[in-house]
Amino acid sequence: MSASPTPTSPMNVFDPQALAQRRQRARALGPETFLLDRVAEDLVDRLTAVKRVFGTAGDLGTPTPVLREALSGTGMVERYVAFGPAERGDVDVVTDPEILPFAPASLDLVVSALALQSVNDLPGVLAQIRRALKPDGLLLAGFLGGGTLSELREAFAIAESDTLGGISPRVAPFVDLRDLGGLLQRAGLALPVTDVDRVVVRYGDPLALLHDLRRMGAANPLTDRRRAPLLKKTLARLFEVYAERFADPDGRLRATFEIVWISGWAPHESQQKPLRPGSAKTRLADALNVPEGRLPGEG
């Protein structure tokens, strides 16, 4: 098992204690689940297209039982095991999100909804998932990507610069879609696929967005976050900038959530493999019915 970052590691972009506190507060406030519900529904739709029954599925870190409930009765999973933080209360196995108690080749399927965006060592977690999958086992996960809350990020930067003379980390640095295919391959997963779903939610004012983020457990969990309370003048300027830059004609304000999707398979001999260089049986020129060295349309 690869080493995972310690609480004092420079890799700790996210503060684990803050993450736990944010999740507990969200449950106390009454969680806002519209985004999680959408991701769970999409995940089940994507899994349906695989047309396979999975023996044992591991749910990695999904904040609520929504995936268990969505997959229940579909016949796609025979045994479902939820891995997650202790404060969730209904997980089957309590686990640190960075160090996973998966036995090698023990799972036919790993799923995750809106959880992987807050792990500090995503390459390490993907490598652990790969080791836990049986040959031809599948990883399917949806989580927040780099375009998430771009409007809020920009408005905060301007507001803090105008009122404080500098900026601090306010919105998490979510992973970019362009990096994910390479991470899946580095982890040893075959047939990697990545894509993105952008969800634009409209609000009457920025305060409603901030309240939703609290109820999602998504308030600022960064290790390097500013610890002082947000000043009223900064908050007022934030509201002004957001309304100036991100309002629709009807006055409602846009907030973008980018859901990145990843899938990959544990290698198996039955899977398609690329042809070896030089193994083609037919020349490209013959297939296109053109002279060697000349493309269609060229004189």
Protein backbone atom coordinates (compact mmCIF):
# COMPACT_ATOMS: atom_id res chain seq x y z
CA MET A 1 0.00 0.00 0.00
CA SER A 2 1.40 3.39 -0.96
CA ALA A 3 2.13 5.94 1.70
CA SER A 4 -0.57 8.51 2.33
CA PRO A 5 -0.04 12.06 3.55
CA THR A 6 0.08 12.73 7.26
CA PRO A 7 -1.76 15.67 8.84
CA THR A 8 1.44 17.73 8.61
CA SER A 9 2.23 16.79 5.00
CA PRO A 10 2.48 19.60 2.43
CA MET A 11 0.12 17.48 0.31
CA ASN A 12 -2.67 18.22 2.77
CA VAL A 13 -4.63 20.75 0.72
CA PHE A 14 -7.79 19.78 2.63
CA ASP A 15 -8.04 19.89 6.42
CA PRO A 16 -9.54 16.51 7.52
CA GLN A 17 -10.83 17.95 10.80
CA ALA A 18 -12.51 20.84 9.00
CA LEU A 19 -14.09 18.42 6.52
CA ALA A 20 -15.55 16.37 9.37
CA GLN A 21 -16.89 19.50 11.06
CA ARG A 22 -18.47 20.72 7.83
CA ARG A 23 -20.22 17.36 7.32
CA GLN A 24 -21.51 17.30 10.89
CA ARG A 25 -22.83 20.85 10.59
CA ALA A 26 -24.57 20.01 7.31
CA ARG A 27 -26.42 17.14 9.00
CA ALA A 28 -27.41 19.39 11.89
CA LEU A 29 -28.74 22.08 9.51
CA GLY A 30 -30.52 19.55 7.32
CA PRO A 31 -28.50 18.56 4.26
CA GLU A 32 -29.08 20.02 0.81
CA THR A 33 -28.90 17.03 -1.54
CA PHE A 34 -30.10 18.19 -4.98
CA LEU A 35 -26.62 17.86 -6.50
CA LEU A 36 -25.87 14.52 -4.82
CA ASP A 37 -29.25 13.15 -5.91
CA ARG A 38 -28.48 14.10 -9.51
CA VAL A 39 -25.06 12.44 -9.42
CA ALA A 40 -26.51 9.26 -7.89
CA GLU A 41 -29.18 9.07 -10.58
CA ASP A 42 -26.60 9.60 -13.33
CA LEU A 43 -24.30 6.96 -11.82
CA VAL A 44 -27.07 4.36 -11.85
CA ASP A 45 -27.88 5.23 -15.48
CA ARG A 46 -24.22 4.82 -16.46
CA LEU A 47 -23.96 1.53 -14.61
CA THR A 48 -27.11 0.26 -16.34
CA ALA A 49 -25.33 0.63 -19.68
CA VAL A 50 -22.65 -1.87 -18.55
CA LYS A 51 -25.25 -4.68 -18.52
CA ARG A 52 -23.58 -6.75 -15.83
CA VAL A 53 -24.37 -8.02 -12.36
CA PHE A 54 -21.62 -7.12 -9.88
CA GLY A 55 -21.03 -9.47 -6.96
CA THR A 56 -19.59 -7.09 -4.34
CA ALA A 57 -19.71 -3.30 -4.67
CA GLY A 58 -17.84 -0.85 -2.46
CA ASP A 59 -19.23 2.67 -2.04
CA LEU A 60 -16.32 5.00 -1.30
CA GLY A 61 -17.22 8.04 0.77
CA THR A 62 -20.62 8.99 -0.68
CA PRO A 63 -21.98 11.46 1.93
CA THR A 64 -25.39 9.78 2.38
CA PRO A 65 -26.98 6.36 1.67
CA VAL A 66 -28.31 7.73 -1.64
CA LEU A 67 -26.30 5.30 -3.81
CA ARG A 68 -27.30 2.29 -1.75
CA GLU A 69 -30.94 3.32 -2.07
CA ALA A 70 -30.63 4.08 -5.80
CA LEU A 71 -29.06 0.70 -6.58
CA SER A 72 -31.33 -1.28 -4.29
CA GLY A 73 -33.77 -3.36 -6.27
CA THR A 74 -32.01 -2.82 -9.61
CA GLY A 75 -30.46 -6.28 -9.56
CA MET A 76 -27.09 -4.85 -10.64
CA VAL A 77 -25.35 -5.43 -7.29
CA GLU A 78 -25.55 -8.52 -5.11
CA ARG A 79 -23.71 -7.17 -2.04
CA TYR A 80 -23.18 -3.52 -1.16
CA VAL A 81 -20.60 -2.24 1.34
CA ALA A 82 -20.37 1.45 2.23
CA PHE A 83 -16.97 2.82 3.31
CA GLY A 84 -16.88 6.28 4.85
CA PRO A 85 -16.29 8.60 7.81
CA ALA A 86 -17.56 7.77 11.27
CA GLU A 87 -19.79 10.84 11.49
CA ARG A 88 -21.97 9.58 8.64
CA GLY A 89 -23.34 7.00 11.08
CA ASP A 90 -24.70 4.44 8.61
CA VAL A 91 -21.52 3.22 6.90
CA ASP A 92 -20.64 -0.47 6.98
CA VAL A 93 -16.90 0.16 7.35
CA VAL A 94 -15.46 3.31 8.96
CA THR A 95 -12.38 4.44 7.05
CA ASP A 96 -9.98 7.30 6.56
CA PRO A 97 -10.51 8.58 2.99
CA GLU A 98 -6.77 8.34 2.29
CA ILE A 99 -6.07 4.84 3.68
CA LEU A 100 -8.64 2.34 2.47
CA PRO A 101 -9.20 -1.02 4.19
CA PHE A 102 -9.77 -2.86 0.92
CA ALA A 103 -8.42 -6.39 0.65
CA PRO A 104 -6.63 -7.03 -2.66
CA ALA A 105 -8.92 -8.24 -5.46
CA SER A 106 -11.96 -8.20 -3.17
CA LEU A 107 -14.40 -5.95 -5.05
CA ASP A 108 -16.17 -6.30 -8.38
CA LEU A 109 -17.22 -2.65 -8.41
CA VAL A 110 -16.20 0.60 -6.68
CA VAL A 111 -18.60 3.54 -6.88
CA SER A 112 -18.40 7.01 -5.38
CA ALA A 113 -20.56 10.14 -5.56
CA LEU A 114 -19.30 13.63 -4.64
CA ALA A 115 -16.51 12.40 -2.38
CA LEU A 116 -13.22 12.12 -4.25
CA GLN A 117 -12.87 15.88 -4.77
CA SER A 118 -11.73 16.30 -1.15
CA VAL A 119 -9.06 13.60 -0.86
CA ASN A 120 -5.52 14.91 -0.58
CA ASP A 121 -3.82 12.07 -2.45
CA LEU A 122 -6.08 11.21 -5.38
CA PRO A 123 -3.39 9.22 -7.26
CA GLY A 124 -2.80 7.14 -4.13
CA VAL A 125 -6.52 6.52 -3.63
CA LEU A 126 -6.93 5.45 -7.26
CA ALA A 127 -4.00 3.04 -6.88
CA GLN A 128 -5.63 1.53 -3.77
CA ILE A 129 -8.92 1.13 -5.64
CA ARG A 130 -7.11 -0.59 -8.50
CA ARG A 131 -5.56 -3.13 -6.09
CA ALA A 132 -8.96 -3.76 -4.49
CA LEU A 133 -10.69 -4.56 -7.78
CA LYS A 134 -10.91 -8.09 -9.04
CA PRO A 135 -9.75 -8.64 -12.63
CA ASP A 136 -12.29 -6.95 -14.92
CA GLY A 137 -13.69 -5.04 -11.94
CA LEU A 138 -14.99 -1.51 -12.52
CA LEU A 139 -14.44 1.90 -10.92
CA LEU A 140 -17.21 4.45 -11.60
CA ALA A 141 -17.21 7.80 -9.79
CA GLY A 142 -18.57 11.31 -10.17
CA PHE A 143 -17.14 14.24 -8.21
CA LEU A 144 -16.62 18.00 -8.39
CA GLY A 145 -14.20 19.25 -11.04
CA GLY A 146 -12.14 22.32 -11.80
CA GLY A 147 -14.92 24.53 -13.15
CA THR A 148 -17.00 24.24 -9.97
CA LEU A 149 -18.02 27.57 -8.40
CA SER A 150 -15.87 29.55 -10.83
CA GLU A 151 -18.19 32.54 -10.33
CA LEU A 152 -17.81 32.46 -6.55
CA ARG A 153 -14.04 32.05 -6.83
CA GLU A 154 -13.74 35.13 -9.04
CA ALA A 155 -16.11 37.24 -6.94
CA PHE A 156 -14.28 36.36 -3.72
CA ALA A 157 -10.90 37.21 -5.26
CA ILE A 158 -12.08 40.65 -6.34
CA ALA A 159 -13.90 41.35 -3.06
CA GLU A 160 -10.90 40.43 -0.91
CA SER A 161 -8.49 42.33 -3.14
CA ASP A 162 -10.67 45.45 -2.96
CA THR A 163 -11.30 45.33 0.80
CA LEU A 164 -8.24 43.58 2.22
CA GLY A 165 -5.51 44.27 -0.30
CA GLY A 166 -4.95 40.58 -1.04
CA ILE A 167 -6.71 37.26 -1.56
CA SER A 168 -6.92 34.00 0.39
CA PRO A 169 -7.98 30.49 -0.65
CA ARG A 170 -11.78 30.42 -0.53
CA VAL A 171 -12.82 27.76 -3.07
CA ALA A 172 -11.17 24.36 -3.31
CA PRO A 173 -8.75 23.71 -6.22
CA PHE A 174 -10.77 20.91 -7.80
CA VAL A 175 -9.03 18.50 -10.18
CA ASP A 176 -9.04 19.31 -13.90
CA LEU A 177 -10.69 16.89 -16.32
CA ARG A 178 -7.60 16.90 -18.55
CA ASP A 179 -5.50 15.33 -15.78
CA LEU A 180 -7.83 12.47 -14.90
CA GLY A 181 -7.19 10.12 -17.83
CA GLY A 182 -3.49 10.12 -17.02
CA LEU A 183 -4.16 9.51 -13.32
CA LEU A 184 -6.34 6.50 -14.12
CA GLN A 185 -3.65 5.04 -16.35
CA ARG A 186 -0.94 5.66 -13.75
CA ALA A 187 -3.08 3.78 -11.23
CA GLY A 188 -3.10 0.78 -13.57
CA LEU A 189 -6.72 1.00 -14.70
CA ALA A 190 -7.52 -0.09 -18.23
CA LEU A 191 -9.95 1.47 -20.75
CA PRO A 192 -10.12 4.79 -18.85
CA VAL A 193 -12.96 7.15 -19.72
CA THR A 194 -13.53 10.69 -18.45
CA ASP A 195 -16.25 13.21 -19.21
CA VAL A 196 -17.92 16.20 -17.64
CA ASP A 197 -21.45 17.37 -16.81
CA ARG A 198 -21.88 21.07 -16.06
CA VAL A 199 -24.82 21.99 -13.86
CA VAL A 200 -25.82 25.66 -13.62
CA VAL A 201 -27.96 26.53 -10.60
CA ARG A 202 -29.61 29.95 -10.28
CA TYR A 203 -30.04 31.84 -7.03
CA GLY A 204 -31.84 34.96 -5.93
CA ASP A 205 -28.74 36.24 -4.13
CA PRO A 206 -25.21 35.00 -3.20
CA LEU A 207 -26.26 34.43 0.41
CA ALA A 208 -28.62 31.66 -0.71
CA LEU A 209 -25.69 29.99 -2.50
CA LEU A 210 -23.51 30.24 0.61
CA HIS A 211 -26.30 28.71 2.71
CA ASP A 212 -26.62 25.81 0.25
CA LEU A 213 -22.85 25.19 0.39
CA ARG A 214 -23.04 24.97 4.18
CA ARG A 215 -25.89 22.47 3.96
CA MET A 216 -23.86 20.45 1.45
CA GLY A 217 -20.94 20.32 3.86
CA ALA A 218 -18.96 22.19 1.20
CA ALA A 219 -17.93 25.33 3.06
CA ASN A 220 -14.21 26.15 2.86
CA PRO A 221 -12.22 23.11 4.13
CA LEU A 222 -8.78 24.23 2.90
CA THR A 223 -5.81 23.88 5.21
CA ASP A 224 -4.55 27.34 4.18
CA ARG A 225 -7.91 29.07 4.53
CA ARG A 226 -8.15 32.44 6.23
CA ARG A 227 -9.10 31.71 9.86
CA ALA A 228 -10.45 35.19 10.69
CA PRO A 229 -14.22 35.72 10.29
CA LEU A 230 -15.37 37.13 6.96
CA LEU A 231 -15.66 40.92 7.30
CA LYS A 232 -18.98 42.61 6.55
CA LYS A 233 -17.35 44.93 4.02
CA THR A 234 -15.83 41.96 2.19
CA LEU A 235 -19.16 40.13 2.16
CA ALA A 236 -20.94 43.26 0.87
CA ARG A 237 -18.36 43.67 -1.90
CA LEU A 238 -18.69 39.97 -2.76
CA PHE A 239 -22.43 40.43 -3.26
CA GLU A 240 -21.87 43.48 -5.47
CA VAL A 241 -19.31 41.76 -7.69
CA TYR A 242 -21.39 38.61 -8.04
CA ALA A 243 -24.46 40.60 -9.09
CA GLU A 244 -22.43 42.73 -11.52
CA ARG A 245 -20.72 39.84 -13.28
CA PHE A 246 -22.91 36.74 -13.00
CA ALA A 247 -26.54 37.87 -13.15
CA ASP A 248 -28.94 36.73 -15.86
CA PRO A 249 -31.32 39.27 -17.45
CA ASP A 250 -33.98 38.41 -14.85
CA GLY A 251 -31.56 39.29 -12.04
CA ARG A 252 -30.98 35.74 -10.79
CA LEU A 253 -27.38 34.68 -10.24
CA ARG A 254 -25.57 31.71 -11.81
CA ALA A 255 -23.50 29.16 -9.92
CA THR A 256 -21.72 26.43 -11.89
CA PHE A 257 -21.09 22.94 -10.54
CA GLU A 258 -18.84 20.83 -12.78
CA ILE A 259 -19.28 17.08 -12.27
CA VAL A 260 -16.38 15.07 -13.66
CA TRP A 261 -16.94 11.38 -14.32
CA ILE A 262 -14.26 8.72 -14.36
CA SER A 263 -14.39 5.03 -15.12
CA GLY A 264 -11.74 2.39 -15.51
CA TRP A 265 -11.36 -1.37 -15.35
CA ALA A 266 -8.94 -3.64 -13.59
CA PRO A 267 -7.05 -5.32 -16.45
CA HIS A 268 -8.32 -8.67 -17.72
CA GLU A 269 -7.40 -10.80 -20.71
CA SER A 270 -10.92 -10.50 -22.16
CA GLN A 271 -10.62 -6.72 -22.62
CA GLN A 272 -9.80 -5.06 -25.92
CA LYS A 273 -6.12 -4.27 -26.40
CA PRO A 274 -4.46 -1.89 -28.88
CA LEU A 275 -2.73 -3.51 -31.84
CA ARG A 276 1.04 -3.74 -31.76
CA PRO A 277 2.78 -1.18 -34.01
CA GLY A 278 3.32 -2.72 -37.45
CA SER A 279 0.72 -5.45 -37.00
CA ALA A 280 -1.87 -3.98 -39.40
CA LYS A 281 -2.81 -6.28 -42.28
CA THR A 282 -4.11 -3.57 -44.64
CA ARG A 283 -2.34 -0.41 -45.78
CA LEU A 284 -4.17 2.88 -45.09
CA ALA A 285 -3.69 3.90 -48.75
CA ASP A 286 -5.42 0.71 -49.91
CA ALA A 287 -8.31 1.21 -47.50
CA LEU A 288 -8.83 4.77 -48.80
CA ASN A 289 -8.24 3.75 -52.43
CA VAL A 290 -5.60 6.45 -53.01
CA PRO A 291 -1.95 6.27 -54.12
CA GLU A 292 0.61 5.76 -51.34
CA GLY A 293 1.52 9.07 -49.67
CA ARG A 294 -1.51 10.98 -51.01
CA LEU A 295 -4.66 11.84 -49.02
CA PRO A 296 -8.16 12.03 -50.49
CA GLY A 297 -8.76 15.43 -52.08
CA GLU A 298 -5.09 16.09 -52.72
CA GLY A 299 -4.04 16.64 -56.34
